[in-house]
Amino acid sequence: MKVLIIAPHPDDETIGCGGTLLKHTAAGDQIFWCIGTKGYEPRVSSEFLAKREVEIDQVAAAYGCERVFKLDHPTTRLDTVSQDQLIADFSEVVEAARPDCVYLNHSGDVHSDHRVIFEAVMSAIKPFSTSRHGVKKILSYEVPSSTDASLASFGRPFVPTVFTDIAAYIEQKLQIFSLYPAEIQPYPQPRSLDSLKANARVRGATIGVEYAEAFMLLREIN
């Protein structure tokens, strides 16, 4: 099975479905990772950008990624990139990876990058083009501090319908997230290690297991 994880920013993939990715790796599935954006100077330092590249390599190795696609669009400035360009970029990624399953951030996340990327990816994998791109299943994941911070007035709440038991992988998921030290918040902030583990415990309780990750099924073609 080929799996493509779309991450607006490095760390979204691990927060949203790190345990599930580890489970795919253990099953012998191929993992492809697409990172939509990149920080830029002077917003962040050149030293931070260099360190982030090392972190990405470490995370890719931890998941055994077959390939990492870096689109390098400017973080928080996707309004400067045409939708046509974004759709074309994601179409190229999907056609190169030809995944059976795509994991994508939630459409109603409070972060503007997430919403723009969701729309572009869904346009790139229209259902009537399945014979071309091969995608049979699309699942959206949650990102604590972005998904949970969204307002109900957006009209797009995260309502999970698919759950993955990650009890065997929760500690490894947290270890991988720790490869992004600048992203770890102090407890009780949502990106603290304790909070991420607590969220996995809540999702696990929903299905009667110790820890789980939750997803919304957007499309499945059998």
N, C-alpha and C. Protein backbone atom coordinates (compact mmCIF):
# COMPACT_ATOMS: atom_id res chain seq x y z
N MET A 1 0.84 -1.19 0.00
CA MET A 1 0.00 0.00 0.00
C MET A 1 0.88 1.25 0.00
N LYS A 2 0.50 2.22 -0.82
CA LYS A 2 1.21 3.49 -0.86
C LYS A 2 0.39 4.55 -0.12
N VAL A 3 1.06 5.27 0.77
CA VAL A 3 0.40 6.27 1.60
C VAL A 3 1.09 7.62 1.40
N LEU A 4 0.29 8.66 1.19
CA LEU A 4 0.82 10.02 1.08
C LEU A 4 0.27 10.85 2.22
N ILE A 5 1.17 11.44 3.00
CA ILE A 5 0.76 12.33 4.08
C ILE A 5 1.07 13.76 3.65
N ILE A 6 0.04 14.60 3.62
CA ILE A 6 0.19 16.01 3.29
C ILE A 6 0.29 16.80 4.60
N ALA A 7 1.38 17.53 4.76
CA ALA A 7 1.58 18.35 5.96
C ALA A 7 1.78 19.80 5.55
N PRO A 8 0.88 20.70 5.94
CA PRO A 8 1.11 22.11 5.63
C PRO A 8 2.45 22.60 6.14
N HIS A 9 2.82 22.13 7.35
CA HIS A 9 4.10 22.50 7.96
C HIS A 9 4.75 21.24 8.53
N PRO A 10 6.09 21.21 8.59
CA PRO A 10 6.74 20.09 9.26
C PRO A 10 6.29 20.06 10.72
N ASP A 11 5.82 18.98 11.17
CA ASP A 11 5.31 18.63 12.50
C ASP A 11 3.84 18.26 12.45
N ASP A 12 3.09 18.82 11.46
CA ASP A 12 1.66 18.47 11.35
C ASP A 12 1.48 16.98 11.13
N GLU A 13 2.38 16.37 10.34
CA GLU A 13 2.26 14.94 10.04
C GLU A 13 2.37 14.09 11.30
N THR A 14 3.23 14.49 12.21
CA THR A 14 3.44 13.71 13.42
C THR A 14 2.35 13.97 14.45
N ILE A 15 1.98 15.22 14.61
CA ILE A 15 0.90 15.55 15.54
C ILE A 15 -0.40 14.86 15.11
N GLY A 16 -0.70 14.94 13.81
CA GLY A 16 -1.98 14.43 13.32
C GLY A 16 -2.07 12.94 13.18
N CYS A 17 -1.01 12.31 12.69
CA CYS A 17 -1.12 10.86 12.45
C CYS A 17 0.21 10.13 12.55
N GLY A 18 1.06 10.57 13.46
CA GLY A 18 2.36 9.91 13.63
C GLY A 18 2.25 8.44 13.99
N GLY A 19 1.33 8.11 14.88
CA GLY A 19 1.16 6.71 15.26
C GLY A 19 0.66 5.87 14.11
N THR A 20 -0.24 6.43 13.33
CA THR A 20 -0.79 5.73 12.17
C THR A 20 0.28 5.51 11.11
N LEU A 21 1.15 6.49 10.91
CA LEU A 21 2.24 6.34 9.96
C LEU A 21 3.20 5.24 10.40
N LEU A 22 3.48 5.19 11.69
CA LEU A 22 4.35 4.13 12.21
C LEU A 22 3.71 2.76 12.00
N LYS A 23 2.41 2.71 12.14
CA LYS A 23 1.68 1.45 11.92
C LYS A 23 1.77 1.04 10.44
N HIS A 24 1.65 2.01 9.54
CA HIS A 24 1.82 1.73 8.11
C HIS A 24 3.22 1.20 7.83
N THR A 25 4.22 1.84 8.43
CA THR A 25 5.60 1.42 8.22
C THR A 25 5.81 -0.01 8.69
N ALA A 26 5.26 -0.32 9.87
CA ALA A 26 5.39 -1.67 10.42
C ALA A 26 4.73 -2.71 9.53
N ALA A 27 3.69 -2.30 8.80
CA ALA A 27 2.98 -3.22 7.91
C ALA A 27 3.68 -3.36 6.56
N GLY A 28 4.75 -2.60 6.34
CA GLY A 28 5.48 -2.68 5.09
C GLY A 28 4.96 -1.76 4.01
N ASP A 29 4.08 -0.82 4.38
CA ASP A 29 3.55 0.13 3.40
C ASP A 29 4.59 1.19 3.06
N GLN A 30 4.46 1.78 1.89
CA GLN A 30 5.35 2.85 1.46
C GLN A 30 4.78 4.20 1.90
N ILE A 31 5.64 5.02 2.51
CA ILE A 31 5.22 6.32 3.02
C ILE A 31 5.84 7.43 2.18
N PHE A 32 5.00 8.30 1.66
CA PHE A 32 5.45 9.50 0.96
C PHE A 32 4.97 10.71 1.77
N TRP A 33 5.83 11.69 1.90
CA TRP A 33 5.54 12.85 2.75
C TRP A 33 5.67 14.12 1.92
N CYS A 34 4.63 14.92 1.91
CA CYS A 34 4.65 16.21 1.20
C CYS A 34 4.50 17.34 2.20
N ILE A 35 5.46 18.26 2.21
CA ILE A 35 5.44 19.42 3.09
C ILE A 35 5.09 20.64 2.24
N GLY A 36 4.01 21.31 2.58
CA GLY A 36 3.50 22.38 1.74
C GLY A 36 4.25 23.70 1.83
N THR A 37 4.75 24.04 3.03
CA THR A 37 5.33 25.37 3.22
C THR A 37 6.70 25.31 3.87
N LYS A 38 7.35 26.46 3.89
CA LYS A 38 8.67 26.58 4.50
C LYS A 38 8.80 27.97 5.10
N GLY A 39 9.47 28.06 6.23
CA GLY A 39 9.74 29.36 6.84
C GLY A 39 10.70 30.17 5.98
N TYR A 40 10.78 31.45 6.24
CA TYR A 40 11.61 32.31 5.41
C TYR A 40 12.20 33.43 6.28
N GLU A 41 13.34 33.93 5.81
CA GLU A 41 13.98 35.07 6.48
C GLU A 41 13.30 36.37 6.04
N PRO A 42 13.20 37.38 6.87
CA PRO A 42 13.72 37.47 8.24
C PRO A 42 12.75 36.97 9.31
N ARG A 43 11.64 36.39 8.87
CA ARG A 43 10.65 35.91 9.85
C ARG A 43 11.29 34.90 10.80
N VAL A 44 12.12 34.03 10.25
CA VAL A 44 12.92 33.12 11.07
C VAL A 44 14.36 33.21 10.60
N SER A 45 15.28 32.81 11.43
CA SER A 45 16.70 32.94 11.12
C SER A 45 17.17 31.85 10.17
N SER A 46 18.29 32.11 9.51
CA SER A 46 18.89 31.10 8.63
C SER A 46 19.32 29.88 9.45
N GLU A 47 19.74 30.13 10.70
CA GLU A 47 20.13 29.01 11.57
C GLU A 47 18.94 28.10 11.86
N PHE A 48 17.77 28.70 12.10
CA PHE A 48 16.57 27.90 12.34
C PHE A 48 16.21 27.10 11.11
N LEU A 49 16.28 27.71 9.92
CA LEU A 49 15.93 27.03 8.69
C LEU A 49 16.86 25.85 8.43
N ALA A 50 18.14 26.03 8.70
CA ALA A 50 19.09 24.93 8.52
C ALA A 50 18.81 23.79 9.48
N LYS A 51 18.49 24.15 10.72
CA LYS A 51 18.18 23.14 11.73
C LYS A 51 16.89 22.41 11.36
N ARG A 52 15.92 23.11 10.80
CA ARG A 52 14.66 22.49 10.42
C ARG A 52 14.87 21.44 9.32
N GLU A 53 15.79 21.72 8.41
CA GLU A 53 16.08 20.74 7.36
C GLU A 53 16.64 19.45 7.95
N VAL A 54 17.48 19.58 8.96
CA VAL A 54 18.02 18.39 9.65
C VAL A 54 16.90 17.63 10.34
N GLU A 55 16.00 18.37 10.99
CA GLU A 55 14.87 17.74 11.68
C GLU A 55 13.99 16.97 10.70
N ILE A 56 13.73 17.57 9.54
CA ILE A 56 12.91 16.90 8.53
C ILE A 56 13.57 15.58 8.10
N ASP A 57 14.87 15.61 7.89
CA ASP A 57 15.59 14.38 7.51
C ASP A 57 15.46 13.32 8.61
N GLN A 58 15.56 13.74 9.85
CA GLN A 58 15.46 12.80 10.97
C GLN A 58 14.07 12.19 11.06
N VAL A 59 13.05 13.03 10.88
CA VAL A 59 11.67 12.54 10.95
C VAL A 59 11.38 11.61 9.78
N ALA A 60 11.84 11.97 8.59
CA ALA A 60 11.64 11.11 7.42
C ALA A 60 12.27 9.74 7.64
N ALA A 61 13.45 9.72 8.25
CA ALA A 61 14.12 8.45 8.53
C ALA A 61 13.35 7.65 9.56
N ALA A 62 12.78 8.33 10.54
CA ALA A 62 12.03 7.64 11.60
C ALA A 62 10.80 6.93 11.04
N TYR A 63 10.18 7.51 10.02
CA TYR A 63 9.01 6.90 9.39
C TYR A 63 9.38 5.99 8.22
N GLY A 64 10.65 6.01 7.85
CA GLY A 64 11.06 5.21 6.69
C GLY A 64 10.46 5.71 5.40
N CYS A 65 10.39 7.04 5.25
CA CYS A 65 9.74 7.62 4.08
C CYS A 65 10.45 7.23 2.78
N GLU A 66 9.66 6.86 1.80
CA GLU A 66 10.17 6.54 0.48
C GLU A 66 10.70 7.81 -0.21
N ARG A 67 10.00 8.92 0.01
CA ARG A 67 10.39 10.18 -0.61
C ARG A 67 9.72 11.33 0.13
N VAL A 68 10.41 12.45 0.21
CA VAL A 68 9.85 13.66 0.80
C VAL A 68 9.75 14.73 -0.28
N PHE A 69 8.55 15.26 -0.47
CA PHE A 69 8.32 16.34 -1.43
C PHE A 69 8.25 17.65 -0.65
N LYS A 70 9.11 18.61 -0.98
CA LYS A 70 9.12 19.90 -0.31
C LYS A 70 8.69 20.97 -1.32
N LEU A 71 7.49 21.52 -1.12
CA LEU A 71 6.99 22.53 -2.05
C LEU A 71 7.56 23.91 -1.75
N ASP A 72 7.93 24.15 -0.49
CA ASP A 72 8.63 25.38 -0.10
C ASP A 72 7.86 26.67 -0.34
N HIS A 73 6.54 26.61 -0.33
CA HIS A 73 5.77 27.85 -0.39
C HIS A 73 5.90 28.58 0.95
N PRO A 74 5.84 29.90 0.96
CA PRO A 74 6.10 30.65 2.20
C PRO A 74 5.03 30.45 3.27
N THR A 75 5.45 30.07 4.44
CA THR A 75 4.54 29.88 5.56
C THR A 75 3.76 31.16 5.85
N THR A 76 2.46 31.03 6.06
CA THR A 76 1.52 32.12 6.36
C THR A 76 1.37 33.13 5.23
N ARG A 77 1.96 32.82 4.06
CA ARG A 77 1.85 33.75 2.93
C ARG A 77 1.34 33.04 1.67
N LEU A 78 0.49 32.04 1.89
CA LEU A 78 -0.04 31.32 0.73
C LEU A 78 -0.98 32.19 -0.10
N ASP A 79 -1.38 33.33 0.47
CA ASP A 79 -2.21 34.25 -0.30
C ASP A 79 -1.42 34.88 -1.44
N THR A 80 -0.09 34.74 -1.41
CA THR A 80 0.75 35.27 -2.47
C THR A 80 0.99 34.24 -3.58
N VAL A 81 0.47 33.03 -3.38
CA VAL A 81 0.64 31.95 -4.36
C VAL A 81 -0.71 31.69 -5.01
N SER A 82 -0.74 31.61 -6.32
CA SER A 82 -2.01 31.38 -7.00
C SER A 82 -2.54 29.98 -6.70
N GLN A 83 -3.86 29.86 -6.66
CA GLN A 83 -4.47 28.55 -6.44
C GLN A 83 -4.12 27.60 -7.58
N ASP A 84 -4.01 28.13 -8.79
CA ASP A 84 -3.62 27.30 -9.93
C ASP A 84 -2.25 26.67 -9.70
N GLN A 85 -1.32 27.45 -9.16
CA GLN A 85 0.02 26.94 -8.90
C GLN A 85 0.00 25.86 -7.83
N LEU A 86 -0.75 26.11 -6.76
CA LEU A 86 -0.84 25.13 -5.68
C LEU A 86 -1.45 23.82 -6.17
N ILE A 87 -2.52 23.91 -6.94
CA ILE A 87 -3.16 22.71 -7.47
C ILE A 87 -2.19 21.95 -8.37
N ALA A 88 -1.47 22.66 -9.21
CA ALA A 88 -0.49 22.03 -10.10
C ALA A 88 0.61 21.33 -9.31
N ASP A 89 1.09 21.99 -8.25
CA ASP A 89 2.15 21.41 -7.42
C ASP A 89 1.68 20.11 -6.76
N PHE A 90 0.50 20.15 -6.17
CA PHE A 90 -0.01 18.95 -5.49
C PHE A 90 -0.36 17.85 -6.51
N SER A 91 -0.81 18.24 -7.68
CA SER A 91 -1.09 17.25 -8.72
C SER A 91 0.19 16.51 -9.11
N GLU A 92 1.29 17.24 -9.21
CA GLU A 92 2.58 16.61 -9.54
C GLU A 92 3.01 15.64 -8.45
N VAL A 93 2.81 16.04 -7.20
CA VAL A 93 3.18 15.16 -6.09
C VAL A 93 2.35 13.88 -6.12
N VAL A 94 1.05 14.04 -6.29
CA VAL A 94 0.15 12.88 -6.29
C VAL A 94 0.47 11.95 -7.47
N GLU A 95 0.75 12.51 -8.62
CA GLU A 95 1.06 11.68 -9.77
C GLU A 95 2.40 10.98 -9.61
N ALA A 96 3.36 11.60 -8.91
CA ALA A 96 4.65 10.97 -8.67
C ALA A 96 4.54 9.84 -7.66
N ALA A 97 3.75 10.06 -6.61
CA ALA A 97 3.62 9.05 -5.55
C ALA A 97 2.58 7.98 -5.90
N ARG A 98 1.53 8.36 -6.62
CA ARG A 98 0.41 7.48 -6.95
C ARG A 98 -0.05 6.69 -5.71
N PRO A 99 -0.45 7.42 -4.67
CA PRO A 99 -0.83 6.75 -3.42
C PRO A 99 -2.20 6.10 -3.49
N ASP A 100 -2.38 5.06 -2.71
CA ASP A 100 -3.70 4.47 -2.54
C ASP A 100 -4.51 5.29 -1.54
N CYS A 101 -3.81 5.85 -0.55
CA CYS A 101 -4.46 6.58 0.53
C CYS A 101 -3.75 7.90 0.78
N VAL A 102 -4.53 8.95 0.99
CA VAL A 102 -3.98 10.27 1.30
C VAL A 102 -4.48 10.71 2.67
N TYR A 103 -3.56 11.16 3.52
CA TYR A 103 -3.90 11.78 4.79
C TYR A 103 -3.70 13.29 4.63
N LEU A 104 -4.74 14.04 4.96
CA LEU A 104 -4.77 15.48 4.73
C LEU A 104 -5.31 16.18 5.96
N ASN A 105 -4.78 17.37 6.25
CA ASN A 105 -5.28 18.14 7.39
C ASN A 105 -6.77 18.47 7.22
N HIS A 106 -7.41 18.81 8.33
CA HIS A 106 -8.84 19.11 8.34
C HIS A 106 -9.15 20.42 7.61
N SER A 107 -10.28 20.45 6.93
CA SER A 107 -10.66 21.61 6.13
C SER A 107 -10.97 22.86 6.95
N GLY A 108 -11.39 22.69 8.21
CA GLY A 108 -11.82 23.82 9.01
C GLY A 108 -10.81 24.31 10.02
N ASP A 109 -9.55 23.93 9.87
CA ASP A 109 -8.52 24.36 10.82
C ASP A 109 -8.42 25.88 10.86
N VAL A 110 -8.07 26.41 12.01
CA VAL A 110 -7.99 27.86 12.17
C VAL A 110 -6.81 28.44 11.39
N HIS A 111 -5.77 27.65 11.16
CA HIS A 111 -4.59 28.15 10.45
C HIS A 111 -4.93 28.31 8.96
N SER A 112 -4.70 29.49 8.42
CA SER A 112 -5.05 29.76 7.02
C SER A 112 -4.29 28.87 6.05
N ASP A 113 -3.03 28.54 6.35
CA ASP A 113 -2.26 27.63 5.47
C ASP A 113 -2.98 26.30 5.32
N HIS A 114 -3.52 25.80 6.41
CA HIS A 114 -4.20 24.50 6.39
C HIS A 114 -5.41 24.54 5.46
N ARG A 115 -6.18 25.60 5.57
CA ARG A 115 -7.41 25.69 4.76
C ARG A 115 -7.09 25.82 3.27
N VAL A 116 -6.09 26.63 2.95
CA VAL A 116 -5.71 26.82 1.54
C VAL A 116 -5.19 25.51 0.96
N ILE A 117 -4.36 24.82 1.71
CA ILE A 117 -3.79 23.57 1.21
C ILE A 117 -4.86 22.50 1.07
N PHE A 118 -5.80 22.46 1.99
CA PHE A 118 -6.89 21.48 1.88
C PHE A 118 -7.62 21.66 0.56
N GLU A 119 -7.99 22.89 0.24
CA GLU A 119 -8.74 23.15 -0.98
C GLU A 119 -7.93 22.77 -2.22
N ALA A 120 -6.65 23.08 -2.22
CA ALA A 120 -5.81 22.78 -3.38
C ALA A 120 -5.65 21.28 -3.57
N VAL A 121 -5.43 20.55 -2.48
CA VAL A 121 -5.26 19.09 -2.58
C VAL A 121 -6.53 18.43 -3.07
N MET A 122 -7.67 18.83 -2.53
CA MET A 122 -8.93 18.22 -2.95
C MET A 122 -9.21 18.50 -4.43
N SER A 123 -8.78 19.64 -4.92
CA SER A 123 -8.93 19.92 -6.35
C SER A 123 -8.00 19.04 -7.18
N ALA A 124 -6.83 18.75 -6.63
CA ALA A 124 -5.84 17.93 -7.34
C ALA A 124 -6.23 16.46 -7.41
N ILE A 125 -7.10 16.02 -6.50
CA ILE A 125 -7.48 14.60 -6.48
C ILE A 125 -8.99 14.45 -6.62
N LYS A 126 -9.53 15.12 -7.62
CA LYS A 126 -10.97 15.00 -7.90
C LYS A 126 -11.34 13.54 -8.14
N PRO A 127 -12.53 13.13 -7.69
CA PRO A 127 -12.90 11.72 -7.79
C PRO A 127 -12.98 11.19 -9.21
N PHE A 128 -13.36 12.03 -10.18
CA PHE A 128 -13.48 11.54 -11.55
C PHE A 128 -12.12 11.38 -12.23
N SER A 129 -11.03 11.75 -11.52
CA SER A 129 -9.68 11.57 -12.05
C SER A 129 -8.95 10.41 -11.38
N THR A 130 -9.69 9.57 -10.66
CA THR A 130 -9.07 8.48 -9.91
C THR A 130 -8.23 7.57 -10.80
N SER A 131 -8.70 7.31 -12.03
CA SER A 131 -7.95 6.44 -12.92
C SER A 131 -6.57 7.02 -13.25
N ARG A 132 -6.45 8.36 -13.13
CA ARG A 132 -5.16 9.01 -13.40
C ARG A 132 -4.27 9.05 -12.17
N HIS A 133 -4.84 9.46 -11.03
CA HIS A 133 -4.00 9.62 -9.84
C HIS A 133 -4.00 8.42 -8.91
N GLY A 134 -4.99 7.55 -8.99
CA GLY A 134 -4.98 6.30 -8.23
C GLY A 134 -5.44 6.38 -6.79
N VAL A 135 -5.84 7.55 -6.30
CA VAL A 135 -6.21 7.70 -4.90
C VAL A 135 -7.59 7.05 -4.65
N LYS A 136 -7.62 6.11 -3.71
CA LYS A 136 -8.87 5.41 -3.40
C LYS A 136 -9.47 5.85 -2.07
N LYS A 137 -8.64 6.42 -1.20
CA LYS A 137 -9.15 6.81 0.12
C LYS A 137 -8.49 8.11 0.56
N ILE A 138 -9.30 9.00 1.16
CA ILE A 138 -8.80 10.27 1.70
C ILE A 138 -9.31 10.41 3.13
N LEU A 139 -8.39 10.63 4.04
CA LEU A 139 -8.72 10.80 5.45
C LEU A 139 -8.14 12.12 5.93
N SER A 140 -8.92 12.90 6.67
CA SER A 140 -8.39 14.14 7.24
C SER A 140 -8.07 13.92 8.71
N TYR A 141 -6.99 14.54 9.15
CA TYR A 141 -6.53 14.38 10.53
C TYR A 141 -6.66 15.70 11.29
N GLU A 142 -6.61 15.60 12.60
CA GLU A 142 -6.71 16.78 13.46
C GLU A 142 -5.32 17.24 13.90
N VAL A 143 -5.18 18.53 14.10
CA VAL A 143 -3.93 19.10 14.61
C VAL A 143 -4.27 19.95 15.83
N PRO A 144 -4.08 19.41 17.03
CA PRO A 144 -4.35 20.20 18.23
C PRO A 144 -3.63 21.55 18.18
N SER A 145 -4.35 22.60 18.54
CA SER A 145 -3.95 24.01 18.51
C SER A 145 -4.40 24.67 17.21
N SER A 146 -4.84 23.88 16.24
CA SER A 146 -5.35 24.43 14.99
C SER A 146 -6.77 23.93 14.72
N THR A 147 -6.96 22.62 14.79
CA THR A 147 -8.29 22.05 14.58
C THR A 147 -9.23 22.42 15.72
N ASP A 148 -8.76 22.25 16.94
CA ASP A 148 -9.60 22.51 18.11
C ASP A 148 -9.82 24.00 18.36
N ALA A 149 -8.97 24.84 17.76
CA ALA A 149 -9.11 26.29 17.95
C ALA A 149 -10.05 26.93 16.94
N SER A 150 -10.53 26.13 16.00
CA SER A 150 -11.43 26.66 14.98
C SER A 150 -12.79 26.98 15.57
N LEU A 151 -13.43 28.01 15.03
CA LEU A 151 -14.73 28.43 15.53
C LEU A 151 -15.84 27.60 14.92
N ALA A 152 -16.87 27.33 15.70
CA ALA A 152 -18.01 26.57 15.19
C ALA A 152 -18.69 27.30 14.03
N SER A 153 -18.55 28.62 14.01
CA SER A 153 -19.19 29.41 12.96
C SER A 153 -18.58 29.14 11.59
N PHE A 154 -17.39 28.50 11.55
CA PHE A 154 -16.81 28.12 10.27
C PHE A 154 -17.69 27.11 9.56
N GLY A 155 -18.49 26.36 10.36
CA GLY A 155 -19.39 25.37 9.78
C GLY A 155 -18.72 24.09 9.35
N ARG A 156 -17.45 23.89 9.75
CA ARG A 156 -16.73 22.69 9.34
C ARG A 156 -16.05 22.05 10.55
N PRO A 157 -16.83 21.56 11.50
CA PRO A 157 -16.24 20.94 12.69
C PRO A 157 -15.57 19.61 12.36
N PHE A 158 -14.60 19.25 13.16
CA PHE A 158 -13.93 17.96 12.99
C PHE A 158 -14.75 16.90 13.70
N VAL A 159 -15.36 16.00 12.92
CA VAL A 159 -16.21 14.94 13.46
C VAL A 159 -15.62 13.61 13.01
N PRO A 160 -14.80 12.98 13.85
CA PRO A 160 -14.09 11.76 13.42
C PRO A 160 -15.02 10.57 13.19
N THR A 161 -14.69 9.82 12.16
CA THR A 161 -15.45 8.63 11.81
C THR A 161 -14.56 7.39 11.69
N VAL A 162 -13.25 7.60 11.70
CA VAL A 162 -12.29 6.50 11.59
C VAL A 162 -11.26 6.66 12.70
N PHE A 163 -10.92 5.55 13.35
CA PHE A 163 -9.97 5.59 14.46
C PHE A 163 -8.89 4.52 14.25
N THR A 164 -7.67 4.86 14.61
CA THR A 164 -6.56 3.91 14.52
C THR A 164 -6.00 3.67 15.92
N ASP A 165 -5.93 2.43 16.32
CA ASP A 165 -5.34 2.05 17.60
C ASP A 165 -3.82 2.24 17.50
N ILE A 166 -3.27 3.17 18.30
CA ILE A 166 -1.83 3.43 18.25
C ILE A 166 -1.17 3.17 19.60
N ALA A 167 -1.79 2.33 20.40
CA ALA A 167 -1.24 2.06 21.73
C ALA A 167 0.21 1.58 21.66
N ALA A 168 0.52 0.80 20.64
CA ALA A 168 1.88 0.26 20.51
C ALA A 168 2.88 1.29 20.01
N TYR A 169 2.37 2.46 19.59
CA TYR A 169 3.24 3.44 18.93
C TYR A 169 3.22 4.82 19.59
N ILE A 170 2.46 5.00 20.67
CA ILE A 170 2.31 6.34 21.24
C ILE A 170 3.64 6.91 21.72
N GLU A 171 4.46 6.09 22.38
CA GLU A 171 5.73 6.62 22.90
C GLU A 171 6.67 6.98 21.77
N GLN A 172 6.68 6.16 20.72
CA GLN A 172 7.54 6.46 19.57
C GLN A 172 7.05 7.72 18.85
N LYS A 173 5.75 7.91 18.77
CA LYS A 173 5.20 9.13 18.18
C LYS A 173 5.70 10.35 18.94
N LEU A 174 5.65 10.31 20.25
CA LEU A 174 6.10 11.45 21.06
C LEU A 174 7.60 11.68 20.92
N GLN A 175 8.36 10.59 20.77
CA GLN A 175 9.80 10.72 20.56
C GLN A 175 10.08 11.42 19.23
N ILE A 176 9.30 11.06 18.20
CA ILE A 176 9.50 11.70 16.90
C ILE A 176 9.11 13.17 16.97
N PHE A 177 8.01 13.49 17.63
CA PHE A 177 7.63 14.90 17.77
C PHE A 177 8.71 15.68 18.51
N SER A 178 9.40 15.03 19.42
CA SER A 178 10.47 15.69 20.17
C SER A 178 11.66 16.06 19.29
N LEU A 179 11.69 15.54 18.06
CA LEU A 179 12.72 15.95 17.12
C LEU A 179 12.50 17.38 16.63
N TYR A 180 11.32 17.94 16.95
CA TYR A 180 11.00 19.34 16.65
C TYR A 180 10.98 20.12 17.98
N PRO A 181 12.11 20.34 18.64
CA PRO A 181 12.08 20.96 19.96
C PRO A 181 11.42 22.33 20.01
N ALA A 182 11.52 23.10 18.92
CA ALA A 182 10.94 24.44 18.91
C ALA A 182 9.41 24.40 18.89
N GLU A 183 8.82 23.26 18.55
CA GLU A 183 7.37 23.14 18.46
C GLU A 183 6.71 22.63 19.73
N ILE A 184 7.50 22.16 20.67
CA ILE A 184 6.95 21.61 21.90
C ILE A 184 6.58 22.74 22.86
N GLN A 185 5.34 22.74 23.27
CA GLN A 185 4.86 23.76 24.20
C GLN A 185 4.87 23.21 25.63
N PRO A 186 4.91 24.09 26.63
CA PRO A 186 4.81 23.62 28.02
C PRO A 186 3.36 23.21 28.33
N TYR A 187 3.22 22.22 29.20
CA TYR A 187 1.89 21.81 29.65
C TYR A 187 1.26 22.97 30.43
N PRO A 188 -0.05 23.24 30.26
CA PRO A 188 -1.06 22.45 29.56
C PRO A 188 -1.38 22.93 28.14
N GLN A 189 -0.44 23.54 27.43
CA GLN A 189 -0.68 23.96 26.06
C GLN A 189 -0.93 22.74 25.17
N PRO A 190 -1.69 22.90 24.07
CA PRO A 190 -2.10 21.73 23.27
C PRO A 190 -0.97 20.98 22.60
N ARG A 191 0.17 21.63 22.38
CA ARG A 191 1.28 20.94 21.73
C ARG A 191 2.32 20.43 22.73
N SER A 192 1.97 20.39 23.98
CA SER A 192 2.87 19.77 24.96
C SER A 192 2.80 18.26 24.77
N LEU A 193 3.84 17.56 25.17
CA LEU A 193 3.84 16.09 25.05
C LEU A 193 2.72 15.48 25.88
N ASP A 194 2.49 16.02 27.07
CA ASP A 194 1.42 15.50 27.92
C ASP A 194 0.05 15.69 27.28
N SER A 195 -0.16 16.85 26.65
CA SER A 195 -1.45 17.13 26.04
C SER A 195 -1.69 16.25 24.81
N LEU A 196 -0.66 16.04 24.01
CA LEU A 196 -0.81 15.16 22.85
C LEU A 196 -1.13 13.74 23.28
N LYS A 197 -0.49 13.30 24.34
CA LYS A 197 -0.77 11.96 24.86
C LYS A 197 -2.18 11.89 25.42
N ALA A 198 -2.61 12.96 26.08
CA ALA A 198 -3.96 12.99 26.64
C ALA A 198 -5.01 12.95 25.54
N ASN A 199 -4.76 13.65 24.44
CA ASN A 199 -5.70 13.64 23.32
C ASN A 199 -5.80 12.24 22.73
N ALA A 200 -4.66 11.56 22.62
CA ALA A 200 -4.67 10.19 22.11
C ALA A 200 -5.42 9.26 23.06
N ARG A 201 -5.34 9.54 24.34
CA ARG A 201 -6.08 8.71 25.31
C ARG A 201 -7.58 8.93 25.17
N VAL A 202 -7.98 10.19 24.97
CA VAL A 202 -9.40 10.48 24.77
C VAL A 202 -9.91 9.80 23.50
N ARG A 203 -9.16 9.90 22.42
CA ARG A 203 -9.57 9.25 21.17
C ARG A 203 -9.60 7.73 21.35
N GLY A 204 -8.67 7.21 22.13
CA GLY A 204 -8.67 5.78 22.39
C GLY A 204 -9.89 5.34 23.18
N ALA A 205 -10.28 6.15 24.17
CA ALA A 205 -11.44 5.81 24.99
C ALA A 205 -12.70 5.73 24.15
N THR A 206 -12.74 6.48 23.05
CA THR A 206 -13.90 6.46 22.16
C THR A 206 -14.14 5.07 21.57
N ILE A 207 -13.05 4.33 21.34
CA ILE A 207 -13.18 3.00 20.72
C ILE A 207 -12.75 1.88 21.66
N GLY A 208 -12.49 2.21 22.92
CA GLY A 208 -12.17 1.18 23.89
C GLY A 208 -10.75 0.66 23.84
N VAL A 209 -9.79 1.51 23.42
CA VAL A 209 -8.38 1.14 23.45
C VAL A 209 -7.63 2.21 24.25
N GLU A 210 -6.37 1.96 24.52
CA GLU A 210 -5.64 2.89 25.39
C GLU A 210 -5.32 4.21 24.69
N TYR A 211 -4.85 4.13 23.45
CA TYR A 211 -4.49 5.34 22.70
C TYR A 211 -4.92 5.17 21.24
N ALA A 212 -5.40 6.25 20.64
CA ALA A 212 -5.82 6.20 19.24
C ALA A 212 -5.63 7.55 18.58
N GLU A 213 -5.66 7.54 17.25
CA GLU A 213 -5.73 8.76 16.45
C GLU A 213 -7.05 8.74 15.70
N ALA A 214 -7.60 9.93 15.47
CA ALA A 214 -8.93 10.04 14.89
C ALA A 214 -8.87 10.74 13.53
N PHE A 215 -9.76 10.33 12.63
CA PHE A 215 -9.79 10.87 11.28
C PHE A 215 -11.23 11.02 10.80
N MET A 216 -11.41 11.91 9.86
CA MET A 216 -12.67 12.00 9.12
C MET A 216 -12.48 11.36 7.76
N LEU A 217 -13.32 10.41 7.42
CA LEU A 217 -13.26 9.80 6.10
C LEU A 217 -13.90 10.75 5.10
N LEU A 218 -13.12 11.24 4.15
CA LEU A 218 -13.60 12.18 3.15
C LEU A 218 -14.07 11.48 1.88
N ARG A 219 -13.40 10.40 1.55
CA ARG A 219 -13.79 9.65 0.34
C ARG A 219 -13.18 8.26 0.40
N GLU A 220 -13.94 7.27 -0.07
CA GLU A 220 -13.39 5.92 -0.22
C GLU A 220 -14.02 5.28 -1.45
N ILE A 221 -13.19 4.77 -2.33
CA ILE A 221 -13.65 4.14 -3.56
C ILE A 221 -13.25 2.68 -3.52
N ASN A 222 -14.24 1.81 -3.56
CA ASN A 222 -13.98 0.37 -3.52
C ASN A 222 -14.22 -0.25 -4.91
